[in-house]
Amino acid sequence: MLNSAFFNEFTLILDGKPAREIVRDLADRGVLAGVSLGRLYPGVAALEHALLVAVTETTTQDDIERLACELEASIKETV
C-alpha cells in the first residue's frame, strides 16, 4: 500500500502487469477494481502499477474478499 493512513480511499502498488490492464481484466470478471493512476497520469512511470481503491459503508466483507481474490488471480496470470 502506498499510503499508511486513509479514510475511504487507498492506493495499492501492484506487481506484474500495469494496473490499467488489471482493471480491465477484473471488469471482464464483473469486478470494479478501482482507478488506474497510470491512466490518470500517463507520463508518470512510477504510477503505472498504482491502483486507487475506494471503500465505503456499503462495501461488504464479501466485496473485499472477492476483490482480493480476483486481484491475486489477475496478478498471478502474469507470472
N, C-alpha and C. Protein backbone atom coordinates (compact mmCIF):
# COMPACT_ATOMS: atom_id res chain seq x y z
N MET A 1 0.85 -1.17 0.00
CA MET A 1 0.00 0.00 0.00
C MET A 1 0.90 1.23 0.00
N LEU A 2 0.54 2.21 -0.81
CA LEU A 2 1.33 3.42 -0.94
C LEU A 2 1.19 4.32 0.28
N ASN A 3 -0.02 4.48 0.79
CA ASN A 3 -0.25 5.35 1.93
C ASN A 3 -0.65 4.51 3.14
N SER A 4 -0.09 4.83 4.31
CA SER A 4 -0.36 4.01 5.50
C SER A 4 -1.63 4.43 6.23
N ALA A 5 -2.08 5.66 6.08
CA ALA A 5 -3.30 6.12 6.72
C ALA A 5 -4.27 6.58 5.63
N PHE A 6 -5.55 6.22 5.79
CA PHE A 6 -6.53 6.62 4.79
C PHE A 6 -7.91 6.70 5.42
N PHE A 7 -8.80 7.41 4.74
CA PHE A 7 -10.18 7.49 5.19
C PHE A 7 -11.02 6.45 4.45
N ASN A 8 -11.26 6.64 3.18
CA ASN A 8 -12.01 5.63 2.42
C ASN A 8 -11.39 5.33 1.06
N GLU A 9 -10.23 5.90 0.78
CA GLU A 9 -9.50 5.59 -0.45
C GLU A 9 -8.06 5.26 -0.10
N PHE A 10 -7.50 4.32 -0.82
CA PHE A 10 -6.09 4.00 -0.61
C PHE A 10 -5.51 3.53 -1.93
N THR A 11 -4.20 3.58 -2.02
CA THR A 11 -3.51 3.21 -3.25
C THR A 11 -2.70 1.94 -3.03
N LEU A 12 -2.89 0.99 -3.93
CA LEU A 12 -2.11 -0.24 -3.93
C LEU A 12 -1.08 -0.18 -5.05
N ILE A 13 0.13 -0.62 -4.79
CA ILE A 13 1.14 -0.78 -5.82
C ILE A 13 1.18 -2.26 -6.16
N LEU A 14 0.84 -2.59 -7.40
CA LEU A 14 0.68 -3.98 -7.82
C LEU A 14 1.92 -4.50 -8.52
N ASP A 15 2.21 -5.77 -8.33
CA ASP A 15 3.27 -6.45 -9.07
C ASP A 15 2.70 -6.95 -10.39
N GLY A 16 3.56 -7.24 -11.31
CA GLY A 16 3.11 -7.83 -12.57
C GLY A 16 2.71 -6.79 -13.59
N LYS A 17 1.59 -7.06 -14.25
CA LYS A 17 1.16 -6.17 -15.33
C LYS A 17 0.67 -4.83 -14.78
N PRO A 18 0.62 -3.81 -15.61
CA PRO A 18 0.17 -2.49 -15.17
C PRO A 18 -1.25 -2.51 -14.62
N ALA A 19 -1.53 -1.60 -13.71
CA ALA A 19 -2.85 -1.52 -13.06
C ALA A 19 -3.96 -1.35 -14.09
N ARG A 20 -3.68 -0.63 -15.15
CA ARG A 20 -4.70 -0.41 -16.18
C ARG A 20 -5.18 -1.73 -16.77
N GLU A 21 -4.27 -2.66 -17.02
CA GLU A 21 -4.63 -3.97 -17.55
C GLU A 21 -5.41 -4.79 -16.52
N ILE A 22 -5.01 -4.67 -15.26
CA ILE A 22 -5.70 -5.41 -14.20
C ILE A 22 -7.12 -4.89 -14.03
N VAL A 23 -7.32 -3.58 -14.12
CA VAL A 23 -8.66 -3.01 -14.02
C VAL A 23 -9.54 -3.57 -15.14
N ARG A 24 -9.01 -3.63 -16.36
CA ARG A 24 -9.78 -4.19 -17.49
C ARG A 24 -10.07 -5.67 -17.28
N ASP A 25 -9.07 -6.42 -16.82
CA ASP A 25 -9.24 -7.85 -16.58
C ASP A 25 -10.33 -8.09 -15.54
N LEU A 26 -10.29 -7.35 -14.44
CA LEU A 26 -11.29 -7.55 -13.41
C LEU A 26 -12.67 -7.08 -13.86
N ALA A 27 -12.74 -6.04 -14.67
CA ALA A 27 -14.04 -5.60 -15.21
C ALA A 27 -14.66 -6.72 -16.04
N ASP A 28 -13.83 -7.44 -16.80
CA ASP A 28 -14.31 -8.58 -17.58
C ASP A 28 -14.86 -9.68 -16.68
N ARG A 29 -14.38 -9.73 -15.44
CA ARG A 29 -14.83 -10.73 -14.46
C ARG A 29 -15.99 -10.20 -13.61
N GLY A 30 -16.44 -8.98 -13.90
CA GLY A 30 -17.57 -8.40 -13.17
C GLY A 30 -17.19 -7.69 -11.89
N VAL A 31 -15.90 -7.31 -11.75
CA VAL A 31 -15.42 -6.65 -10.54
C VAL A 31 -14.90 -5.27 -10.89
N LEU A 32 -15.41 -4.23 -10.21
CA LEU A 32 -14.88 -2.88 -10.38
C LEU A 32 -13.73 -2.73 -9.40
N ALA A 33 -12.51 -2.78 -9.92
CA ALA A 33 -11.33 -2.85 -9.07
C ALA A 33 -10.87 -1.51 -8.53
N GLY A 34 -11.13 -0.44 -9.24
CA GLY A 34 -10.63 0.87 -8.84
C GLY A 34 -10.18 1.66 -10.05
N VAL A 35 -9.33 2.62 -9.82
CA VAL A 35 -8.86 3.51 -10.88
C VAL A 35 -7.35 3.35 -11.03
N SER A 36 -6.94 3.12 -12.26
CA SER A 36 -5.51 3.05 -12.55
C SER A 36 -4.93 4.45 -12.54
N LEU A 37 -4.00 4.71 -11.65
CA LEU A 37 -3.40 6.04 -11.60
C LEU A 37 -2.50 6.29 -12.81
N GLY A 38 -2.01 5.24 -13.42
CA GLY A 38 -1.24 5.39 -14.65
C GLY A 38 -2.08 5.94 -15.78
N ARG A 39 -3.37 5.65 -15.77
CA ARG A 39 -4.28 6.20 -16.78
C ARG A 39 -4.49 7.68 -16.56
N LEU A 40 -4.56 8.09 -15.30
CA LEU A 40 -4.77 9.50 -14.97
C LEU A 40 -3.50 10.32 -15.13
N TYR A 41 -2.34 9.68 -14.92
CA TYR A 41 -1.04 10.35 -15.01
C TYR A 41 -0.15 9.57 -15.96
N PRO A 42 -0.44 9.59 -17.28
CA PRO A 42 0.28 8.74 -18.23
C PRO A 42 1.77 9.02 -18.34
N GLY A 43 2.23 10.18 -17.95
CA GLY A 43 3.65 10.48 -18.06
C GLY A 43 4.46 10.11 -16.83
N VAL A 44 3.82 9.54 -15.82
CA VAL A 44 4.50 9.22 -14.56
C VAL A 44 4.65 7.70 -14.45
N ALA A 45 5.83 7.21 -14.82
CA ALA A 45 6.07 5.76 -14.84
C ALA A 45 5.87 5.12 -13.47
N ALA A 46 6.15 5.84 -12.41
CA ALA A 46 6.02 5.29 -11.05
C ALA A 46 4.58 4.92 -10.71
N LEU A 47 3.61 5.49 -11.44
CA LEU A 47 2.20 5.22 -11.14
C LEU A 47 1.58 4.18 -12.07
N GLU A 48 2.37 3.61 -12.95
CA GLU A 48 1.87 2.61 -13.89
C GLU A 48 1.25 1.40 -13.19
N HIS A 49 1.77 1.05 -12.03
CA HIS A 49 1.28 -0.11 -11.28
C HIS A 49 0.46 0.30 -10.06
N ALA A 50 0.02 1.56 -10.01
CA ALA A 50 -0.73 2.06 -8.86
C ALA A 50 -2.23 1.97 -9.12
N LEU A 51 -2.94 1.43 -8.16
CA LEU A 51 -4.39 1.26 -8.25
C LEU A 51 -5.04 1.97 -7.08
N LEU A 52 -5.90 2.95 -7.37
CA LEU A 52 -6.63 3.67 -6.34
C LEU A 52 -7.93 2.92 -6.06
N VAL A 53 -8.12 2.51 -4.81
CA VAL A 53 -9.28 1.72 -4.40
C VAL A 53 -10.07 2.53 -3.38
N ALA A 54 -11.39 2.50 -3.50
CA ALA A 54 -12.26 3.19 -2.55
C ALA A 54 -13.17 2.18 -1.86
N VAL A 55 -13.38 2.38 -0.59
CA VAL A 55 -14.34 1.58 0.17
C VAL A 55 -15.24 2.53 0.96
N THR A 56 -16.49 2.16 1.09
CA THR A 56 -17.45 2.97 1.85
C THR A 56 -18.23 2.06 2.78
N GLU A 57 -19.20 2.65 3.43
CA GLU A 57 -20.03 1.88 4.36
C GLU A 57 -20.87 0.83 3.62
N THR A 58 -21.01 0.96 2.30
CA THR A 58 -21.77 -0.04 1.54
C THR A 58 -20.91 -1.21 1.07
N THR A 59 -19.61 -1.12 1.25
CA THR A 59 -18.70 -2.20 0.86
C THR A 59 -18.78 -3.30 1.92
N THR A 60 -19.06 -4.50 1.48
CA THR A 60 -19.19 -5.62 2.41
C THR A 60 -17.88 -6.39 2.52
N GLN A 61 -17.79 -7.22 3.52
CA GLN A 61 -16.62 -8.09 3.67
C GLN A 61 -16.49 -9.01 2.46
N ASP A 62 -17.62 -9.49 1.94
CA ASP A 62 -17.59 -10.34 0.74
C ASP A 62 -17.04 -9.57 -0.46
N ASP A 63 -17.40 -8.28 -0.59
CA ASP A 63 -16.86 -7.45 -1.68
C ASP A 63 -15.34 -7.37 -1.58
N ILE A 64 -14.84 -7.14 -0.38
CA ILE A 64 -13.40 -7.00 -0.16
C ILE A 64 -12.69 -8.31 -0.46
N GLU A 65 -13.25 -9.41 0.00
CA GLU A 65 -12.64 -10.72 -0.24
C GLU A 65 -12.64 -11.08 -1.72
N ARG A 66 -13.72 -10.74 -2.42
CA ARG A 66 -13.76 -11.03 -3.87
C ARG A 66 -12.72 -10.19 -4.60
N LEU A 67 -12.63 -8.91 -4.25
CA LEU A 67 -11.62 -8.06 -4.89
C LEU A 67 -10.22 -8.62 -4.65
N ALA A 68 -9.93 -9.00 -3.42
CA ALA A 68 -8.61 -9.54 -3.09
C ALA A 68 -8.32 -10.81 -3.89
N CYS A 69 -9.28 -11.71 -3.97
CA CYS A 69 -9.09 -12.97 -4.72
C CYS A 69 -8.90 -12.71 -6.20
N GLU A 70 -9.72 -11.82 -6.76
CA GLU A 70 -9.61 -11.53 -8.19
C GLU A 70 -8.31 -10.79 -8.51
N LEU A 71 -7.89 -9.87 -7.64
CA LEU A 71 -6.60 -9.21 -7.83
C LEU A 71 -5.46 -10.21 -7.83
N GLU A 72 -5.50 -11.10 -6.86
CA GLU A 72 -4.44 -12.12 -6.76
C GLU A 72 -4.41 -13.00 -8.01
N ALA A 73 -5.58 -13.41 -8.47
CA ALA A 73 -5.65 -14.26 -9.65
C ALA A 73 -5.13 -13.51 -10.89
N SER A 74 -5.51 -12.27 -11.03
CA SER A 74 -5.08 -11.49 -12.19
C SER A 74 -3.57 -11.26 -12.17
N ILE A 75 -3.03 -10.99 -11.01
CA ILE A 75 -1.58 -10.77 -10.89
C ILE A 75 -0.83 -12.07 -11.18
N LYS A 76 -1.32 -13.19 -10.67
CA LYS A 76 -0.64 -14.48 -10.89
C LYS A 76 -0.65 -14.90 -12.35
N GLU A 77 -1.64 -14.45 -13.11
CA GLU A 77 -1.70 -14.79 -14.53
C GLU A 77 -0.52 -14.24 -15.30
N THR A 78 0.15 -13.23 -14.75
CA THR A 78 1.28 -12.63 -15.46
C THR A 78 2.60 -13.30 -15.13
N VAL A 79 2.63 -14.09 -14.06
CA VAL A 79 3.88 -14.70 -13.61
C VAL A 79 4.16 -15.97 -14.36
